[in-house]
N, C-alpha and C. Protein backbone atom coordinates (compact mmCIF):
# COMPACT_ATOMS: atom_id res chain seq x y z
N MET A 1 66.15 61.56 155.88
CA MET A 1 66.48 62.95 155.63
C MET A 1 66.63 63.70 156.94
N LYS A 2 67.40 64.76 156.86
CA LYS A 2 67.56 65.64 158.03
C LYS A 2 67.60 67.07 157.55
N VAL A 3 66.90 67.93 158.24
CA VAL A 3 66.95 69.37 158.00
C VAL A 3 67.19 70.02 159.35
N ILE A 4 68.18 70.89 159.41
CA ILE A 4 68.49 71.56 160.67
C ILE A 4 68.96 72.98 160.38
N SER A 5 68.54 73.92 161.19
CA SER A 5 68.99 75.30 161.09
C SER A 5 70.35 75.42 161.77
N LEU A 6 71.24 76.20 161.19
CA LEU A 6 72.55 76.39 161.79
C LEU A 6 72.42 76.97 163.19
N SER A 7 71.41 77.78 163.42
CA SER A 7 71.23 78.37 164.74
C SER A 7 70.91 77.32 165.81
N ALA A 8 70.51 76.12 165.39
CA ALA A 8 70.20 75.05 166.33
C ALA A 8 71.40 74.14 166.62
N VAL A 9 72.55 74.42 165.98
CA VAL A 9 73.73 73.57 166.12
C VAL A 9 74.69 74.20 167.14
N GLN A 10 75.12 73.39 168.09
CA GLN A 10 76.03 73.85 169.13
C GLN A 10 77.31 74.41 168.52
N LYS A 11 77.77 75.56 169.02
CA LYS A 11 79.01 76.20 168.58
C LYS A 11 80.07 75.91 169.63
N VAL A 12 81.19 75.30 169.20
CA VAL A 12 82.26 74.88 170.10
C VAL A 12 83.55 75.60 169.72
N LYS A 13 84.26 76.09 170.71
CA LYS A 13 85.53 76.78 170.46
C LYS A 13 86.55 75.79 169.91
N VAL A 14 87.30 76.21 168.89
CA VAL A 14 88.39 75.40 168.34
C VAL A 14 89.56 75.52 169.31
N ASN A 15 89.92 74.42 169.96
CA ASN A 15 90.95 74.43 170.98
C ASN A 15 92.27 73.84 170.51
N MET A 16 92.46 73.74 169.21
CA MET A 16 93.74 73.23 168.69
C MET A 16 94.84 74.27 168.92
N GLU A 17 96.05 73.80 169.17
CA GLU A 17 97.18 74.71 169.32
C GLU A 17 97.33 75.54 168.05
N GLY A 18 97.50 76.85 168.20
CA GLY A 18 97.66 77.74 167.06
C GLY A 18 96.38 78.37 166.58
N ALA A 19 95.25 78.04 167.19
CA ALA A 19 93.97 78.65 166.83
C ALA A 19 93.68 79.83 167.76
N LYS A 20 93.02 80.84 167.21
CA LYS A 20 92.62 81.99 168.01
C LYS A 20 91.23 82.45 167.58
N ASP A 21 90.32 82.52 168.51
CA ASP A 21 88.97 83.06 168.28
C ASP A 21 88.27 82.40 167.09
N ALA A 22 88.33 81.07 167.04
CA ALA A 22 87.66 80.29 166.00
C ALA A 22 86.68 79.33 166.65
N TRP A 23 85.54 79.12 165.98
CA TRP A 23 84.45 78.31 166.49
C TRP A 23 84.00 77.32 165.43
N LYS A 24 83.51 76.15 165.85
CA LYS A 24 83.07 75.11 164.91
C LYS A 24 81.67 74.63 165.27
N GLN A 25 80.88 74.42 164.22
CA GLN A 25 79.58 73.77 164.33
C GLN A 25 79.55 72.61 163.34
N ILE A 26 78.85 71.54 163.69
CA ILE A 26 78.76 70.38 162.81
C ILE A 26 77.28 70.06 162.56
N PRO A 27 76.71 70.65 161.51
CA PRO A 27 75.29 70.40 161.25
C PRO A 27 74.99 69.03 160.64
N LEU A 28 75.93 68.47 159.87
CA LEU A 28 75.70 67.18 159.22
C LEU A 28 76.99 66.35 159.27
N SER A 29 76.85 65.08 159.71
CA SER A 29 78.03 64.22 159.80
C SER A 29 77.62 62.76 159.68
N ARG A 30 78.59 61.90 159.86
CA ARG A 30 78.28 60.46 159.81
C ARG A 30 77.28 60.07 160.89
N GLU A 31 77.25 60.81 161.99
CA GLU A 31 76.26 60.53 163.06
C GLU A 31 74.83 60.72 162.56
N ASP A 32 74.68 61.48 161.48
CA ASP A 32 73.36 61.70 160.88
C ASP A 32 73.09 60.73 159.74
N GLY A 33 74.05 59.83 159.48
CA GLY A 33 73.91 58.87 158.40
C GLY A 33 74.47 59.35 157.08
N ALA A 34 75.25 60.46 157.08
CA ALA A 34 75.85 60.96 155.84
C ALA A 34 76.78 59.90 155.26
N PRO A 35 76.59 59.51 153.99
CA PRO A 35 77.38 58.42 153.42
C PRO A 35 78.78 58.80 152.97
N VAL A 36 79.06 60.10 152.70
CA VAL A 36 80.35 60.47 152.14
C VAL A 36 81.01 61.63 152.89
N TYR A 37 80.30 62.75 153.05
CA TYR A 37 80.90 63.96 153.61
C TYR A 37 80.25 64.40 154.91
N ALA A 38 81.04 65.10 155.71
CA ALA A 38 80.53 65.83 156.87
C ALA A 38 80.65 67.31 156.54
N TYR A 39 79.70 68.09 157.00
CA TYR A 39 79.75 69.54 156.80
C TYR A 39 79.90 70.21 158.15
N ARG A 40 80.94 71.04 158.22
CA ARG A 40 81.18 71.84 159.41
C ARG A 40 81.03 73.30 159.02
N VAL A 41 80.75 74.14 159.98
CA VAL A 41 80.72 75.58 159.75
C VAL A 41 81.69 76.20 160.75
N PHE A 42 82.64 76.95 160.22
CA PHE A 42 83.60 77.64 161.07
C PHE A 42 83.30 79.13 161.08
N THR A 43 83.32 79.71 162.27
CA THR A 43 83.21 81.15 162.45
C THR A 43 84.52 81.61 163.06
N VAL A 44 85.16 82.56 162.40
CA VAL A 44 86.43 83.11 162.89
C VAL A 44 86.17 84.59 163.21
N ASP A 45 86.33 84.93 164.47
CA ASP A 45 86.07 86.30 164.92
C ASP A 45 87.15 87.24 164.40
N PRO A 46 86.88 88.56 164.38
CA PRO A 46 87.90 89.53 163.95
C PRO A 46 89.20 89.31 164.72
N GLY A 47 90.32 89.31 163.98
CA GLY A 47 91.62 89.06 164.58
C GLY A 47 91.93 87.60 164.80
N GLY A 48 91.00 86.71 164.45
CA GLY A 48 91.17 85.30 164.72
C GLY A 48 91.67 84.51 163.52
N PHE A 49 92.03 83.24 163.79
CA PHE A 49 92.52 82.35 162.74
C PHE A 49 92.43 80.90 163.20
N THR A 50 92.44 80.01 162.23
CA THR A 50 92.51 78.58 162.53
C THR A 50 93.99 78.21 162.67
N PRO A 51 94.30 77.02 163.18
CA PRO A 51 95.71 76.63 163.27
C PRO A 51 96.31 76.49 161.87
N TYR A 52 97.60 76.70 161.76
CA TYR A 52 98.32 76.44 160.53
C TYR A 52 98.65 74.95 160.57
N HIS A 53 98.05 74.17 159.68
CA HIS A 53 98.14 72.72 159.80
C HIS A 53 97.98 72.02 158.45
N GLN A 54 98.12 70.71 158.49
CA GLN A 54 97.87 69.89 157.30
C GLN A 54 97.32 68.54 157.77
N HIS A 55 96.68 67.84 156.84
CA HIS A 55 96.13 66.52 157.12
C HIS A 55 95.94 65.79 155.81
N ASN A 56 95.64 64.51 155.87
CA ASN A 56 95.62 63.68 154.66
C ASN A 56 94.26 63.61 153.97
N TYR A 57 93.42 64.61 154.14
CA TYR A 57 92.14 64.67 153.44
C TYR A 57 91.90 66.09 152.96
N GLU A 58 91.03 66.20 151.95
CA GLU A 58 90.75 67.50 151.37
C GLU A 58 89.70 68.28 152.18
N HIS A 59 89.74 69.59 152.01
CA HIS A 59 88.68 70.50 152.48
C HIS A 59 88.02 71.07 151.24
N MET A 60 86.71 71.18 151.25
CA MET A 60 86.00 71.94 150.23
C MET A 60 85.21 72.99 150.99
N ASN A 61 85.47 74.27 150.69
CA ASN A 61 84.90 75.36 151.46
C ASN A 61 84.01 76.26 150.62
N PHE A 62 82.99 76.80 151.27
CA PHE A 62 82.15 77.85 150.69
C PHE A 62 82.06 78.95 151.73
N ILE A 63 82.38 80.17 151.33
CA ILE A 63 82.37 81.30 152.26
C ILE A 63 80.95 81.86 152.34
N ILE A 64 80.38 81.83 153.53
CA ILE A 64 79.01 82.30 153.76
C ILE A 64 78.98 83.81 154.00
N GLU A 65 79.93 84.28 154.80
CA GLU A 65 79.86 85.66 155.26
C GLU A 65 81.26 86.18 155.56
N GLY A 66 81.48 87.46 155.30
CA GLY A 66 82.71 88.12 155.70
C GLY A 66 83.82 88.02 154.69
N GLU A 67 85.00 88.42 155.15
CA GLU A 67 86.21 88.40 154.32
C GLU A 67 87.32 87.73 155.11
N GLY A 68 88.07 86.90 154.41
CA GLY A 68 89.16 86.20 155.07
C GLY A 68 90.30 85.96 154.12
N GLU A 69 91.24 85.15 154.58
CA GLU A 69 92.40 84.78 153.79
C GLU A 69 92.69 83.30 154.00
N LEU A 70 93.12 82.66 152.93
CA LEU A 70 93.60 81.29 153.00
C LEU A 70 95.11 81.35 152.81
N VAL A 71 95.84 80.97 153.84
CA VAL A 71 97.31 81.05 153.82
C VAL A 71 97.87 79.69 153.42
N ASN A 72 98.77 79.68 152.43
CA ASN A 72 99.35 78.42 151.99
C ASN A 72 100.75 78.21 152.59
N GLU A 73 101.41 77.14 152.18
CA GLU A 73 102.69 76.75 152.77
C GLU A 73 103.80 77.79 152.57
N SER A 74 103.74 78.54 151.47
CA SER A 74 104.77 79.56 151.22
C SER A 74 104.44 80.88 151.90
N GLY A 75 103.30 80.93 152.62
CA GLY A 75 102.91 82.16 153.30
C GLY A 75 102.04 83.07 152.46
N GLU A 76 101.78 82.67 151.21
CA GLU A 76 100.92 83.47 150.34
C GLU A 76 99.50 83.49 150.92
N ARG A 77 98.89 84.67 150.89
CA ARG A 77 97.53 84.84 151.41
C ARG A 77 96.57 85.05 150.25
N LYS A 78 95.67 84.10 150.07
CA LYS A 78 94.67 84.21 149.01
C LYS A 78 93.40 84.79 149.62
N PRO A 79 92.92 85.92 149.09
CA PRO A 79 91.72 86.54 149.66
C PRO A 79 90.48 85.69 149.44
N LEU A 80 89.59 85.70 150.42
CA LEU A 80 88.31 85.00 150.36
C LEU A 80 87.21 85.96 150.77
N LYS A 81 86.05 85.85 150.11
CA LYS A 81 84.90 86.68 150.47
C LYS A 81 83.63 85.87 150.29
N ALA A 82 82.54 86.37 150.83
CA ALA A 82 81.25 85.69 150.73
C ALA A 82 80.96 85.33 149.27
N GLY A 83 80.57 84.08 149.06
CA GLY A 83 80.27 83.58 147.72
C GLY A 83 81.41 82.82 147.07
N ASP A 84 82.63 82.88 147.65
CA ASP A 84 83.78 82.17 147.09
C ASP A 84 83.80 80.70 147.53
N PHE A 85 84.39 79.87 146.68
CA PHE A 85 84.69 78.48 146.99
C PHE A 85 86.20 78.33 147.10
N ALA A 86 86.68 77.42 147.93
CA ALA A 86 88.11 77.14 148.04
C ALA A 86 88.31 75.65 148.22
N LEU A 87 89.37 75.14 147.64
CA LEU A 87 89.75 73.74 147.77
C LEU A 87 91.14 73.68 148.37
N VAL A 88 91.31 72.88 149.42
CA VAL A 88 92.61 72.57 149.99
C VAL A 88 92.79 71.07 149.81
N ASN A 89 93.80 70.70 149.05
CA ASN A 89 94.05 69.29 148.77
C ASN A 89 94.72 68.58 149.95
N PRO A 90 94.69 67.26 149.97
CA PRO A 90 95.33 66.53 151.05
C PRO A 90 96.81 66.93 151.21
N ASN A 91 97.24 67.05 152.46
CA ASN A 91 98.61 67.33 152.85
C ASN A 91 99.11 68.73 152.49
N GLU A 92 98.24 69.63 152.05
CA GLU A 92 98.63 71.02 151.85
C GLU A 92 98.53 71.75 153.19
N LYS A 93 99.62 72.40 153.60
CA LYS A 93 99.56 73.21 154.82
C LYS A 93 98.69 74.42 154.54
N HIS A 94 97.86 74.78 155.53
CA HIS A 94 96.92 75.87 155.31
C HIS A 94 96.45 76.47 156.63
N GLN A 95 95.92 77.67 156.51
CA GLN A 95 95.34 78.38 157.65
C GLN A 95 94.31 79.35 157.10
N TYR A 96 93.21 79.51 157.82
CA TYR A 96 92.19 80.51 157.48
C TYR A 96 92.30 81.65 158.49
N ARG A 97 92.24 82.88 157.97
CA ARG A 97 92.35 84.05 158.83
C ARG A 97 91.20 85.01 158.51
N ASN A 98 90.67 85.65 159.54
CA ASN A 98 89.67 86.68 159.34
C ASN A 98 90.41 87.95 158.91
N ALA A 99 89.98 88.56 157.81
CA ALA A 99 90.64 89.77 157.28
C ALA A 99 89.87 91.04 157.63
N SER A 100 88.77 90.92 158.36
CA SER A 100 87.96 92.08 158.71
C SER A 100 88.26 92.54 160.13
N PRO A 101 88.32 93.84 160.35
CA PRO A 101 88.57 94.33 161.71
C PRO A 101 87.35 94.26 162.62
N ASP A 102 86.15 94.05 162.04
CA ASP A 102 84.96 94.15 162.88
C ASP A 102 83.81 93.20 162.53
N LYS A 103 84.02 92.25 161.61
CA LYS A 103 82.95 91.33 161.22
C LYS A 103 83.47 89.90 161.25
N PRO A 104 82.59 88.93 161.57
CA PRO A 104 83.02 87.53 161.56
C PRO A 104 83.24 87.02 160.13
N PHE A 105 84.09 86.02 160.02
CA PHE A 105 84.35 85.30 158.78
C PHE A 105 83.74 83.91 158.99
N ILE A 106 82.77 83.54 158.13
CA ILE A 106 82.03 82.29 158.33
C ILE A 106 82.08 81.46 157.05
N MET A 107 82.44 80.18 157.19
CA MET A 107 82.53 79.31 156.02
C MET A 107 82.03 77.91 156.32
N ILE A 108 81.52 77.28 155.27
CA ILE A 108 81.17 75.87 155.31
C ILE A 108 82.41 75.09 154.89
N CYS A 109 82.68 74.00 155.58
CA CYS A 109 83.84 73.17 155.29
C CYS A 109 83.39 71.72 155.16
N GLY A 110 83.49 71.18 153.96
CA GLY A 110 83.14 69.79 153.71
C GLY A 110 84.38 68.91 153.76
N VAL A 111 84.30 67.83 154.52
CA VAL A 111 85.41 66.87 154.64
C VAL A 111 84.83 65.46 154.56
N PRO A 112 85.66 64.47 154.23
CA PRO A 112 85.16 63.09 154.29
C PRO A 112 84.62 62.79 155.69
N LYS A 113 83.51 62.09 155.74
CA LYS A 113 82.81 61.85 157.01
C LYS A 113 83.67 61.19 158.08
N GLU A 114 84.69 60.44 157.67
CA GLU A 114 85.54 59.74 158.63
C GLU A 114 86.35 60.71 159.50
N PHE A 115 86.48 61.94 159.07
CA PHE A 115 87.34 62.88 159.79
C PHE A 115 86.54 63.85 160.65
N GLU A 116 85.26 63.59 160.80
CA GLU A 116 84.46 64.42 161.71
C GLU A 116 83.46 63.56 162.44
């Protein structure tokens, strides 16, 4: 078993092309012996966003704090707020954006362990 506080997990800037003011933490992954999923936590600062991208695995998200948007391939923006869940299926183009002018947008992102 492993128990860890998010405050004890290193926060690393997302340096992918197309990202702005986004940070990643990895509290649980295959390095911890997780058999199926890795859990990441993304913090997107006001005015920030993740890259607009796609990949061959799903994301399962839970919004911890703030308000954001999930942008799909047609440019539609689906609002997200604390307490919401979101699913992005494999190969769906997507982007997360902070919708608040002054508060961070924070979410848990579960992915298959092989991808983290």
